[in-house]
Amino acid sequence: MESTMSSPGSTPVPSYSPNPIPVYRTIAPLRSLRHQTILSGQTIGLIPTMGALHTGHLSLVLHAAHHHRTLIVSLFVNPAQFAPHEDLATYPRTFESDLQQLHNLNAQLDLQDPTGTVLGRVAGVFYPELSVIYPRGIPLDPAKQRGAFVSVEPLSKKLEGVTRPHFFRGVATVCSKLFNIVQPDAAYFGQKDIQQTIVLKTLVEDLHFPVKIVVCPTARDPVDGLALSSRNVYLGKTRREYAGCLYRALEAGRKVYEQGLERGGVEAKEILSAAMMVLRVFVEEGKLEVEYLSLAEGGELEELEPEEKVNRERGEGAVMSGAIRMLPKEEGKGVVRLIDNLIL
């Protein structure tokens, strides 16, 4: 199969389409692309990912294509987001498939807009070596890590940060590096990782990055509403059949909130109780564990008090979120952690 090379520092890629997407392994050629983009009066949209692309990632690219002529997709499994006991070694790595999907997406955009005057295209994939992002290496134990890291406090200690205290430090650090390397006008993320988006909005505001954080709706399975995630492949057939229960639980909570508006509001604990009621049957059957259910205001993610009345003024924009641990039901399968959220 034919290969092409776009510039020094980029990697030959298979020719899935007449216009293969350059793959950048180093920083200098990517900066050159950025310079050319500025000179042409265009803007850049960045879609940061850890690879293992699915429909949710592609929806972010499509959204960005309506706002920028030049799109960069990063594929980098970031070790700083993983604790020593987590799934860094087994996290899905599907580079060839990812590249194929992006080529196909560009072809789809070509059909929709053959002149390229309205819709953007993926102009490059940033697929760096570990040493490019972490020149001093990146052991998984934070106590052994060397170099510059970024923390956003106290947001990083809440909700996801309770059981994954390392996670948002890793996210904030790698995104700071990507924003500096790519220098995008905007970066696109999914609402599924709502706390991550709030952390990053705080990051760019406090550190004066000239980057707009754009949050796109959660991509869901059309049948049961399961939020799409690269880790869903771990579920297996049995657990996948009831994996939509977290979304159903959050919807049950939202329904109680909306019904409560008709009588001037409802206590926060009633909303969360409705969500827990959906999950309780699966807990009692030994199918899952509930890590947390939360109802928090949308700015700093401060939890609403259990007996606080949630009316339209207090509830609009509040974040109802949850995390569950899907327990193994098949030989050779491990625990799968699912997260989801709804904005009231």
Protein backbone atom coordinates (compact mmCIF):
# COMPACT_ATOMS: atom_id res chain seq x y z
CA MET A 1 0.00 0.00 0.00
CA GLU A 2 1.29 3.46 -0.90
CA SER A 3 2.62 5.79 1.78
CA THR A 4 3.18 9.52 1.83
CA MET A 5 5.19 11.94 3.93
CA SER A 6 4.08 15.53 4.32
CA SER A 7 7.07 17.17 5.99
CA PRO A 8 10.08 16.46 8.21
CA GLY A 9 8.90 15.21 11.59
CA SER A 10 5.75 13.66 10.17
CA THR A 11 5.29 9.94 9.67
CA PRO A 12 4.37 8.06 6.47
CA VAL A 13 0.73 7.01 6.64
CA PRO A 14 -1.27 4.50 4.60
CA SER A 15 -3.14 6.04 1.67
CA TYR A 16 -6.71 5.28 2.65
CA SER A 17 -7.90 8.20 0.52
CA PRO A 18 -6.51 10.42 -2.26
CA ASN A 19 -5.50 12.97 0.41
CA PRO A 20 -3.85 11.19 3.35
CA ILE A 21 -3.75 13.07 6.63
CA PRO A 22 -0.23 13.99 7.78
CA VAL A 23 0.77 12.39 11.06
CA TYR A 24 3.02 14.57 13.19
CA ARG A 25 5.31 12.88 15.71
CA THR A 26 7.28 15.97 16.73
CA ILE A 27 6.53 19.59 17.55
CA ALA A 28 8.41 21.69 14.98
CA PRO A 29 6.43 20.67 11.86
CA LEU A 30 3.16 21.09 13.74
CA ARG A 31 4.21 24.60 14.73
CA SER A 32 5.00 25.23 11.05
CA LEU A 33 1.45 24.20 10.15
CA ARG A 34 0.16 26.60 12.78
CA HIS A 35 2.27 29.42 11.31
CA GLN A 36 0.93 28.73 7.81
CA THR A 37 -2.61 28.73 9.18
CA ILE A 38 -2.13 32.14 10.79
CA LEU A 39 -0.69 33.59 7.55
CA SER A 40 -3.71 32.32 5.62
CA GLY A 41 -6.10 33.96 8.06
CA GLN A 42 -7.60 30.66 9.23
CA THR A 43 -8.26 29.31 12.72
CA ILE A 44 -7.37 25.96 14.24
CA GLY A 45 -9.63 23.63 16.17
CA LEU A 46 -8.01 20.98 18.39
CA ILE A 47 -9.71 17.73 19.34
CA PRO A 48 -7.59 16.11 22.10
CA THR A 49 -8.13 12.36 22.43
CA MET A 50 -6.41 9.26 23.78
CA GLY A 51 -7.25 7.40 20.57
CA ALA A 52 -9.58 4.39 20.33
CA LEU A 53 -11.88 6.73 18.46
CA HIS A 54 -15.64 6.19 18.42
CA THR A 55 -18.70 8.06 17.21
CA GLY A 56 -18.45 10.50 20.11
CA HIS A 57 -14.96 11.61 19.09
CA LEU A 58 -16.03 11.95 15.47
CA SER A 59 -18.98 14.11 16.51
CA LEU A 60 -16.49 16.50 18.16
CA VAL A 61 -14.51 16.68 14.90
CA LEU A 62 -17.68 17.35 12.92
CA HIS A 63 -18.70 20.10 15.32
CA ALA A 64 -15.27 21.70 15.06
CA ALA A 65 -15.38 21.46 11.26
CA HIS A 66 -18.26 23.93 11.22
CA HIS A 67 -16.11 26.54 12.97
CA HIS A 68 -12.52 26.04 11.74
CA ARG A 69 -10.95 25.29 8.37
CA THR A 70 -7.99 23.54 9.98
CA LEU A 71 -8.48 20.72 12.50
CA ILE A 72 -5.86 18.87 14.51
CA VAL A 73 -6.72 15.59 16.28
CA SER A 74 -4.28 14.42 18.94
CA LEU A 75 -3.91 10.72 19.71
CA PHE A 76 -1.95 10.27 22.93
CA VAL A 77 -2.58 7.85 25.78
CA ASN A 78 -1.52 10.05 28.69
CA PRO A 79 0.19 8.08 31.47
CA ALA A 80 -0.21 10.94 33.95
CA GLN A 81 -3.97 10.29 34.01
CA PHE A 82 -3.48 6.72 35.24
CA ALA A 83 -2.70 5.46 38.71
CA PRO A 84 -0.34 2.48 39.04
CA HIS A 85 -3.29 0.10 39.54
CA GLU A 86 -5.32 1.39 36.57
CA ASP A 87 -5.55 0.19 32.97
CA LEU A 88 -2.72 2.05 31.20
CA ALA A 89 -1.20 -1.17 29.85
CA THR A 90 -4.50 -2.48 28.48
CA TYR A 91 -6.12 0.80 27.37
CA PRO A 92 -7.25 0.33 23.74
CA ARG A 93 -4.68 1.49 21.20
CA THR A 94 -6.09 1.44 17.67
CA PHE A 95 -3.97 3.86 15.67
CA GLU A 96 -4.62 2.37 12.22
CA SER A 97 -8.36 2.26 12.82
CA ASP A 98 -8.34 5.79 14.22
CA LEU A 99 -6.53 7.09 11.16
CA GLN A 100 -8.92 5.23 8.87
CA GLN A 101 -11.92 6.81 10.58
CA LEU A 102 -10.45 10.29 10.26
CA HIS A 103 -9.68 9.72 6.56
CA ASN A 104 -13.25 8.55 6.05
CA LEU A 105 -14.56 11.59 7.88
CA ASN A 106 -12.54 13.90 5.66
CA ALA A 107 -13.98 12.12 2.63
CA GLN A 108 -17.47 12.64 4.03
CA LEU A 109 -16.73 16.34 4.47
CA ASP A 110 -15.40 16.50 0.91
CA LEU A 111 -18.73 15.19 -0.36
CA GLN A 112 -20.69 17.68 1.72
CA ASP A 113 -18.49 20.61 0.75
CA PRO A 114 -16.33 19.79 -2.32
CA THR A 115 -14.86 23.31 -2.52
CA GLY A 116 -13.78 23.35 1.12
CA THR A 117 -15.25 26.80 1.64
CA VAL A 118 -17.67 25.96 4.46
CA LEU A 119 -16.49 22.89 6.34
CA GLY A 120 -13.05 22.30 7.84
CA ARG A 121 -10.93 19.20 7.41
CA VAL A 122 -8.59 17.21 9.62
CA ALA A 123 -5.30 18.73 8.49
CA GLY A 124 -3.09 16.73 10.81
CA VAL A 125 -2.94 14.05 13.48
CA PHE A 126 -0.60 14.68 16.40
CA TYR A 127 0.67 11.26 17.49
CA PRO A 128 3.70 12.05 19.64
CA GLU A 129 6.19 9.73 21.25
CA LEU A 130 6.06 9.69 25.03
CA SER A 131 9.40 11.53 25.22
CA VAL A 132 7.99 14.46 23.23
CA ILE A 133 5.29 15.13 25.84
CA TYR A 134 7.30 14.08 28.91
CA PRO A 135 11.01 14.70 28.22
CA ARG A 136 11.93 13.62 31.77
CA GLY A 137 9.83 10.47 31.63
CA ILE A 138 6.57 9.83 33.46
CA PRO A 139 6.52 7.13 36.16
CA LEU A 140 2.98 6.41 37.34
CA ASP A 141 3.80 7.16 40.98
CA PRO A 142 3.36 10.96 41.32
CA ALA A 143 6.00 11.01 44.05
CA LYS A 144 8.58 9.89 41.49
CA GLN A 145 7.57 12.24 38.70
CA ARG A 146 9.93 15.04 37.67
CA GLY A 147 9.28 18.21 35.73
CA ALA A 148 6.42 20.66 35.39
CA PHE A 149 2.86 19.65 36.26
CA VAL A 150 -0.38 21.61 36.53
CA SER A 151 -3.07 21.32 39.19
CA VAL A 152 -6.45 23.04 39.37
CA GLU A 153 -7.70 23.29 42.95
CA PRO A 154 -10.03 22.49 44.60
CA LEU A 155 -11.99 21.23 41.57
CA SER A 156 -9.54 18.38 41.05
CA LYS A 157 -10.31 16.95 44.49
CA LYS A 158 -14.08 16.63 44.02
CA LEU A 159 -16.24 13.85 42.57
CA GLU A 160 -13.90 12.01 40.16
CA GLY A 161 -10.94 13.35 42.12
CA VAL A 162 -11.97 11.54 45.31
CA THR A 163 -11.16 8.08 43.95
CA ARG A 164 -8.77 9.27 41.22
CA PRO A 165 -6.70 12.01 42.93
CA HIS A 166 -4.05 11.89 40.19
CA PHE A 167 -6.45 12.19 37.27
CA PHE A 168 -7.09 15.90 36.79
CA ARG A 169 -3.46 16.78 37.45
CA GLY A 170 -2.65 14.55 34.49
CA VAL A 171 -5.41 16.05 32.35
CA ALA A 172 -4.48 19.65 33.18
CA THR A 173 -0.80 18.95 32.50
CA VAL A 174 -1.21 17.22 29.15
CA CYS A 175 -3.79 19.74 27.93
CA SER A 176 -1.49 22.61 28.90
CA LYS A 177 1.22 20.99 26.79
CA LEU A 178 -1.14 20.39 23.86
CA PHE A 179 -2.46 23.96 24.00
CA ASN A 180 1.13 25.24 23.96
CA ILE A 181 2.25 22.90 21.17
CA VAL A 182 -0.74 23.25 18.82
CA GLN A 183 -1.77 26.78 19.84
CA PRO A 184 -5.40 26.22 18.80
CA ASP A 185 -8.10 28.86 18.79
CA ALA A 186 -10.53 26.38 20.36
CA ALA A 187 -10.43 22.87 21.84
CA TYR A 188 -13.37 20.49 21.75
CA PHE A 189 -14.48 18.12 24.52
CA GLY A 190 -17.58 16.04 25.29
CA GLN A 191 -20.02 16.74 28.10
CA LYS A 192 -19.65 13.16 29.33
CA ASP A 193 -16.48 14.32 31.08
CA ILE A 194 -18.20 17.39 32.55
CA GLN A 195 -15.81 17.83 35.48
CA GLN A 196 -12.87 17.71 33.09
CA THR A 197 -14.38 20.52 31.01
CA ILE A 198 -14.90 22.68 34.12
CA VAL A 199 -11.31 22.03 35.22
CA LEU A 200 -10.04 23.03 31.77
CA LYS A 201 -12.16 26.17 31.60
CA THR A 202 -10.62 27.21 34.92
CA LEU A 203 -7.16 26.31 33.61
CA VAL A 204 -7.34 28.46 30.46
CA GLU A 205 -8.84 31.37 32.38
CA ASP A 206 -6.32 31.34 35.22
CA LEU A 207 -3.24 30.68 33.05
CA HIS A 208 -4.38 33.02 30.25
CA PHE A 209 -4.33 30.47 27.45
CA PRO A 210 -5.97 32.09 24.39
CA VAL A 211 -8.04 28.94 23.85
CA LYS A 212 -11.81 28.60 23.94
CA ILE A 213 -13.04 25.38 25.56
CA VAL A 214 -16.05 24.12 23.60
CA VAL A 215 -18.26 21.50 25.26
CA CYS A 216 -20.35 19.32 22.94
CA PRO A 217 -23.32 17.12 23.92
CA THR A 218 -22.62 13.60 25.11
CA ALA A 219 -22.79 11.05 22.31
CA ARG A 220 -25.04 8.17 23.35
CA ASP A 221 -26.15 4.76 22.18
CA PRO A 222 -29.45 5.37 20.40
CA VAL A 223 -31.14 2.41 22.09
CA ASP A 224 -30.33 2.63 25.81
CA GLY A 225 -28.57 5.98 26.12
CA LEU A 226 -25.23 4.59 27.31
CA ALA A 227 -22.63 7.36 27.03
CA LEU A 228 -20.07 6.35 24.40
CA SER A 229 -16.61 5.67 25.80
CA SER A 230 -13.48 3.91 24.58
CA ARG A 231 -13.64 1.74 27.71
CA ASN A 232 -17.10 0.37 26.82
CA VAL A 233 -15.30 -2.40 24.92
CA TYR A 234 -14.38 -3.87 28.31
CA LEU A 235 -18.01 -4.53 29.21
CA GLY A 236 -18.57 -7.71 27.25
CA LYS A 237 -21.96 -8.92 26.07
CA THR A 238 -23.57 -9.62 29.45
CA ARG A 239 -22.81 -6.34 31.18
CA ARG A 240 -23.48 -4.34 28.06
CA GLU A 241 -27.14 -5.42 28.24
CA TYR A 242 -27.74 -3.35 31.40
CA ALA A 243 -24.94 -0.76 31.13
CA GLY A 244 -27.51 1.93 30.25
CA CYS A 245 -28.80 1.83 33.83
CA LEU A 246 -26.74 4.83 34.92
CA TYR A 247 -28.27 7.01 32.22
CA ARG A 248 -31.75 5.77 33.18
CA ALA A 249 -31.01 6.60 36.81
CA LEU A 250 -29.97 10.15 35.98
CA GLU A 251 -33.06 10.58 33.79
CA ALA A 252 -35.23 9.41 36.69
CA GLY A 253 -33.66 12.08 38.85
CA ARG A 254 -34.22 14.72 36.22
CA LYS A 255 -37.87 13.72 35.93
CA VAL A 256 -38.37 14.26 39.67
CA TYR A 257 -36.70 17.66 39.37
CA GLU A 258 -38.90 18.70 36.46
CA GLN A 259 -42.07 17.50 38.20
CA GLY A 260 -41.00 19.36 41.32
CA LEU A 261 -40.81 22.63 39.41
CA GLU A 262 -44.59 22.59 39.16
CA ARG A 263 -44.84 22.89 42.95
CA GLY A 264 -42.01 25.37 43.43
CA GLY A 265 -39.12 22.95 43.79
CA VAL A 266 -38.06 19.63 45.27
CA GLU A 267 -35.41 18.71 47.82
CA ALA A 268 -32.07 17.64 46.38
CA LYS A 269 -32.19 14.33 48.26
CA GLU A 270 -35.45 13.40 46.50
CA ILE A 271 -33.80 13.86 43.12
CA LEU A 272 -30.85 11.68 44.07
CA SER A 273 -33.11 9.09 45.73
CA ALA A 274 -35.01 8.66 42.48
CA ALA A 275 -31.73 8.01 40.68
CA MET A 276 -30.56 5.58 43.35
CA MET A 277 -33.82 3.67 43.17
CA VAL A 278 -33.06 2.71 39.57
CA LEU A 279 -29.58 1.49 40.47
CA ARG A 280 -30.50 -0.29 43.70
CA VAL A 281 -31.88 -3.38 41.99
CA PHE A 282 -28.59 -3.90 40.13
CA VAL A 283 -26.65 -3.38 43.35
CA GLU A 284 -28.76 -5.95 45.17
CA GLU A 285 -28.19 -8.42 42.33
CA GLY A 286 -24.43 -7.98 42.66
CA LYS A 287 -24.09 -6.47 39.21
CA LEU A 288 -22.60 -3.11 40.16
CA GLU A 289 -21.45 -0.79 42.91
CA VAL A 290 -22.35 2.87 43.10
CA GLU A 291 -19.28 5.03 43.61
CA TYR A 292 -21.17 8.30 43.82
CA LEU A 293 -24.32 10.15 42.81
CA SER A 294 -24.03 13.90 42.94
CA LEU A 295 -26.12 17.01 42.47
CA ALA A 296 -23.90 20.08 42.34
CA GLU A 297 -23.98 23.63 41.07
CA GLY A 298 -22.38 24.01 37.68
CA GLY A 299 -19.61 26.50 38.49
CA GLU A 300 -17.32 25.05 41.18
CA LEU A 301 -19.28 21.78 41.51
CA GLU A 302 -20.29 22.57 45.08
CA GLU A 303 -22.74 19.93 46.29
CA LEU A 304 -26.30 21.04 46.95
CA GLU A 305 -27.40 20.36 50.52
CA PRO A 306 -29.68 17.27 50.79
CA GLU A 307 -32.64 19.25 52.14
CA GLU A 308 -32.09 22.24 49.89
CA LYS A 309 -35.08 23.00 47.72
CA VAL A 310 -34.09 22.83 44.08
CA ASN A 311 -36.31 25.17 42.08
CA ARG A 312 -35.77 26.68 38.65
CA GLU A 313 -33.52 29.43 39.99
CA ARG A 314 -31.32 27.03 41.97
CA GLY A 315 -31.56 24.02 39.71
CA GLU A 316 -31.03 25.39 36.22
CA GLY A 317 -27.50 24.56 35.16
CA ALA A 318 -26.91 22.20 38.08
CA VAL A 319 -24.97 19.05 37.27
CA MET A 320 -26.35 15.64 38.24
CA SER A 321 -23.63 13.07 37.82
CA GLY A 322 -22.72 9.57 38.83
CA ALA A 323 -20.09 6.87 38.67
CA ILE A 324 -20.66 3.13 38.93
CA ARG A 325 -18.41 0.10 38.94
CA MET A 326 -19.74 -2.68 36.73
CA LEU A 327 -18.71 -5.92 38.44
CA PRO A 328 -17.37 -8.80 36.35
CA LYS A 329 -19.95 -11.39 35.27
CA GLU A 330 -17.81 -13.30 32.78
CA GLU A 331 -14.53 -15.18 33.12
CA GLY A 332 -11.50 -13.01 32.46
CA LYS A 333 -13.33 -9.71 32.75
CA GLY A 334 -12.44 -6.98 35.22
CA VAL A 335 -14.38 -4.15 36.85
CA VAL A 336 -15.50 -1.49 34.37
CA ARG A 337 -16.06 2.01 35.66
CA LEU A 338 -18.75 4.12 33.96
CA ILE A 339 -19.45 7.82 34.44
CA ASP A 340 -22.26 10.02 33.13
CA ASN A 341 -24.03 13.27 33.85
CA LEU A 342 -26.98 15.44 32.94
CA ILE A 343 -27.30 19.21 33.19
CA LEU A 344 -30.62 20.29 34.68
